[in-house]
Amino acid sequence: MKYIKAKYPNGRAYTFRTDDDVKPGDVVSTSYGAKLIVSDEPADMEWIETYGTGKISEVKKVEVK
């Protein structure tokens, strides 16, 4: 499981978890179908451990055609 930062279009970056191999600029999707763009900001592991890993939403990579 990897922790990444991704942002909504014209929004700020939030922390998500994923099993997919993603890089900055890739498009990912939440379980609700919202599309986000992976940012190059590092995920703050101290914040993740404090907040709780089970409360962080999971995203999946979207294949762009």
N, C-alpha and C. Protein backbone atom coordinates (compact mmCIF):
# COMPACT_ATOMS: atom_id res chain seq x y z
N MET A 1 0.85 -1.18 0.00
CA MET A 1 0.00 0.00 0.00
C MET A 1 0.89 1.24 0.00
N LYS A 2 0.60 2.15 -0.90
CA LYS A 2 1.35 3.40 -1.00
C LYS A 2 0.44 4.55 -0.63
N TYR A 3 1.01 5.59 -0.09
CA TYR A 3 0.26 6.80 0.24
C TYR A 3 0.72 7.91 -0.69
N ILE A 4 -0.24 8.58 -1.29
CA ILE A 4 0.06 9.61 -2.29
C ILE A 4 -0.76 10.86 -1.98
N LYS A 5 -0.40 11.93 -2.64
CA LYS A 5 -1.20 13.15 -2.61
C LYS A 5 -1.82 13.30 -3.99
N ALA A 6 -3.10 13.60 -4.02
CA ALA A 6 -3.80 13.83 -5.28
C ALA A 6 -4.76 14.99 -5.06
N LYS A 7 -5.04 15.71 -6.15
CA LYS A 7 -5.91 16.87 -5.98
C LYS A 7 -7.04 16.85 -7.00
N TYR A 8 -8.14 17.44 -6.57
CA TYR A 8 -9.27 17.65 -7.46
C TYR A 8 -8.88 18.78 -8.41
N PRO A 9 -9.47 18.83 -9.61
CA PRO A 9 -9.14 19.93 -10.52
C PRO A 9 -9.40 21.27 -9.82
N ASN A 10 -8.44 22.15 -9.89
CA ASN A 10 -8.50 23.48 -9.27
C ASN A 10 -8.71 23.41 -7.76
N GLY A 11 -8.18 22.39 -7.12
CA GLY A 11 -8.33 22.25 -5.68
C GLY A 11 -7.01 21.96 -5.01
N ARG A 12 -7.07 21.76 -3.70
CA ARG A 12 -5.83 21.45 -2.96
C ARG A 12 -5.62 19.95 -2.92
N ALA A 13 -4.43 19.52 -2.56
CA ALA A 13 -4.06 18.11 -2.55
C ALA A 13 -4.48 17.45 -1.24
N TYR A 14 -4.96 16.23 -1.33
CA TYR A 14 -5.35 15.42 -0.19
C TYR A 14 -4.58 14.11 -0.23
N THR A 15 -4.49 13.44 0.90
CA THR A 15 -3.77 12.17 1.00
C THR A 15 -4.71 11.00 0.70
N PHE A 16 -4.25 10.08 -0.12
CA PHE A 16 -5.00 8.88 -0.47
C PHE A 16 -4.05 7.69 -0.42
N ARG A 17 -4.61 6.50 -0.43
CA ARG A 17 -3.79 5.29 -0.51
C ARG A 17 -4.14 4.56 -1.81
N THR A 18 -3.17 3.81 -2.34
CA THR A 18 -3.38 3.08 -3.58
C THR A 18 -2.44 1.87 -3.64
N ASP A 19 -2.86 0.87 -4.38
CA ASP A 19 -2.00 -0.28 -4.66
C ASP A 19 -1.40 -0.16 -6.06
N ASP A 20 -1.91 0.77 -6.86
CA ASP A 20 -1.46 0.94 -8.24
C ASP A 20 -0.15 1.72 -8.30
N ASP A 21 0.61 1.51 -9.38
CA ASP A 21 1.81 2.30 -9.63
C ASP A 21 1.38 3.59 -10.31
N VAL A 22 1.53 4.69 -9.60
CA VAL A 22 1.15 5.99 -10.15
C VAL A 22 2.32 6.95 -10.04
N LYS A 23 2.30 7.96 -10.90
CA LYS A 23 3.32 8.99 -10.88
C LYS A 23 2.63 10.34 -11.01
N PRO A 24 3.30 11.44 -10.69
CA PRO A 24 2.67 12.75 -10.80
C PRO A 24 2.09 12.97 -12.19
N GLY A 25 0.87 13.48 -12.22
CA GLY A 25 0.18 13.74 -13.48
C GLY A 25 -0.80 12.66 -13.88
N ASP A 26 -0.70 11.46 -13.27
CA ASP A 26 -1.65 10.39 -13.56
C ASP A 26 -3.03 10.75 -13.01
N VAL A 27 -4.06 10.20 -13.63
CA VAL A 27 -5.44 10.41 -13.18
C VAL A 27 -5.86 9.19 -12.37
N VAL A 28 -6.44 9.45 -11.19
CA VAL A 28 -6.95 8.40 -10.32
C VAL A 28 -8.42 8.69 -10.02
N SER A 29 -9.12 7.68 -9.54
CA SER A 29 -10.54 7.81 -9.27
C SER A 29 -10.85 7.29 -7.88
N THR A 30 -11.78 7.97 -7.17
CA THR A 30 -12.23 7.51 -5.87
C THR A 30 -13.33 6.47 -6.06
N SER A 31 -13.78 5.88 -4.98
CA SER A 31 -14.87 4.90 -5.06
C SER A 31 -16.18 5.56 -5.46
N TYR A 32 -16.28 6.87 -5.33
CA TYR A 32 -17.48 7.61 -5.73
C TYR A 32 -17.43 8.06 -7.19
N GLY A 33 -16.32 7.80 -7.85
CA GLY A 33 -16.17 8.15 -9.26
C GLY A 33 -15.54 9.51 -9.51
N ALA A 34 -15.13 10.20 -8.46
CA ALA A 34 -14.47 11.50 -8.63
C ALA A 34 -13.08 11.30 -9.20
N LYS A 35 -12.71 12.13 -10.15
CA LYS A 35 -11.40 12.05 -10.79
C LYS A 35 -10.46 13.05 -10.14
N LEU A 36 -9.23 12.60 -9.87
CA LEU A 36 -8.21 13.44 -9.27
C LEU A 36 -6.92 13.29 -10.04
N ILE A 37 -6.01 14.23 -9.84
CA ILE A 37 -4.71 14.19 -10.49
C ILE A 37 -3.65 14.01 -9.41
N VAL A 38 -2.76 13.03 -9.60
CA VAL A 38 -1.69 12.77 -8.64
C VAL A 38 -0.71 13.94 -8.66
N SER A 39 -0.41 14.46 -7.48
CA SER A 39 0.53 15.58 -7.38
C SER A 39 1.91 15.06 -6.99
N ASP A 40 2.90 15.93 -7.09
CA ASP A 40 4.26 15.51 -6.75
C ASP A 40 4.61 15.82 -5.30
N GLU A 41 3.61 16.20 -4.49
CA GLU A 41 3.85 16.45 -3.07
C GLU A 41 4.01 15.12 -2.34
N PRO A 42 4.93 15.03 -1.40
CA PRO A 42 5.08 13.78 -0.64
C PRO A 42 3.98 13.68 0.42
N ALA A 43 3.55 12.46 0.69
CA ALA A 43 2.57 12.23 1.75
C ALA A 43 3.28 12.30 3.10
N ASP A 44 2.68 12.94 4.07
CA ASP A 44 3.25 13.12 5.40
C ASP A 44 2.91 11.89 6.26
N MET A 45 3.87 10.98 6.41
CA MET A 45 3.65 9.73 7.13
C MET A 45 3.32 9.96 8.61
N GLU A 46 3.86 10.99 9.21
CA GLU A 46 3.53 11.29 10.60
C GLU A 46 2.05 11.64 10.74
N TRP A 47 1.54 12.44 9.80
CA TRP A 47 0.12 12.80 9.80
C TRP A 47 -0.74 11.56 9.58
N ILE A 48 -0.33 10.68 8.67
CA ILE A 48 -1.08 9.46 8.37
C ILE A 48 -1.17 8.58 9.61
N GLU A 49 -0.07 8.41 10.32
CA GLU A 49 -0.08 7.58 11.52
C GLU A 49 -0.94 8.19 12.63
N THR A 50 -0.95 9.50 12.73
CA THR A 50 -1.77 10.18 13.73
C THR A 50 -3.25 10.08 13.38
N TYR A 51 -3.59 10.33 12.13
CA TYR A 51 -4.99 10.33 11.69
C TYR A 51 -5.55 8.92 11.67
N GLY A 52 -4.76 7.96 11.29
CA GLY A 52 -5.19 6.56 11.23
C GLY A 52 -5.25 6.07 9.79
N THR A 53 -4.53 5.01 9.50
CA THR A 53 -4.44 4.52 8.13
C THR A 53 -5.77 3.98 7.61
N GLY A 54 -6.63 3.51 8.49
CA GLY A 54 -7.92 2.97 8.07
C GLY A 54 -8.91 4.03 7.62
N LYS A 55 -8.66 5.28 7.94
CA LYS A 55 -9.59 6.36 7.59
C LYS A 55 -9.21 7.07 6.29
N ILE A 56 -8.14 6.63 5.65
CA ILE A 56 -7.68 7.28 4.43
C ILE A 56 -8.32 6.58 3.23
N SER A 57 -8.96 7.35 2.36
CA SER A 57 -9.66 6.79 1.20
C SER A 57 -8.69 6.17 0.20
N GLU A 58 -9.18 5.17 -0.50
CA GLU A 58 -8.38 4.48 -1.51
C GLU A 58 -8.77 4.97 -2.90
N VAL A 59 -7.80 5.08 -3.78
CA VAL A 59 -8.04 5.48 -5.17
C VAL A 59 -7.45 4.42 -6.11
N LYS A 60 -7.96 4.39 -7.31
CA LYS A 60 -7.49 3.47 -8.35
C LYS A 60 -7.06 4.30 -9.56
N LYS A 61 -6.04 3.82 -10.25
CA LYS A 61 -5.54 4.50 -11.44
C LYS A 61 -6.56 4.37 -12.56
N VAL A 62 -6.77 5.46 -13.30
CA VAL A 62 -7.68 5.48 -14.43
C VAL A 62 -6.86 5.43 -15.70
N GLU A 63 -7.17 4.49 -16.57
CA GLU A 63 -6.47 4.40 -17.86
C GLU A 63 -7.07 5.44 -18.81
N VAL A 64 -6.25 6.39 -19.24
CA VAL A 64 -6.68 7.45 -20.15
C VAL A 64 -6.48 6.97 -21.57
N LYS A 65 -7.53 7.06 -22.36
CA LYS A 65 -7.44 6.61 -23.76
C LYS A 65 -7.33 7.75 -24.71
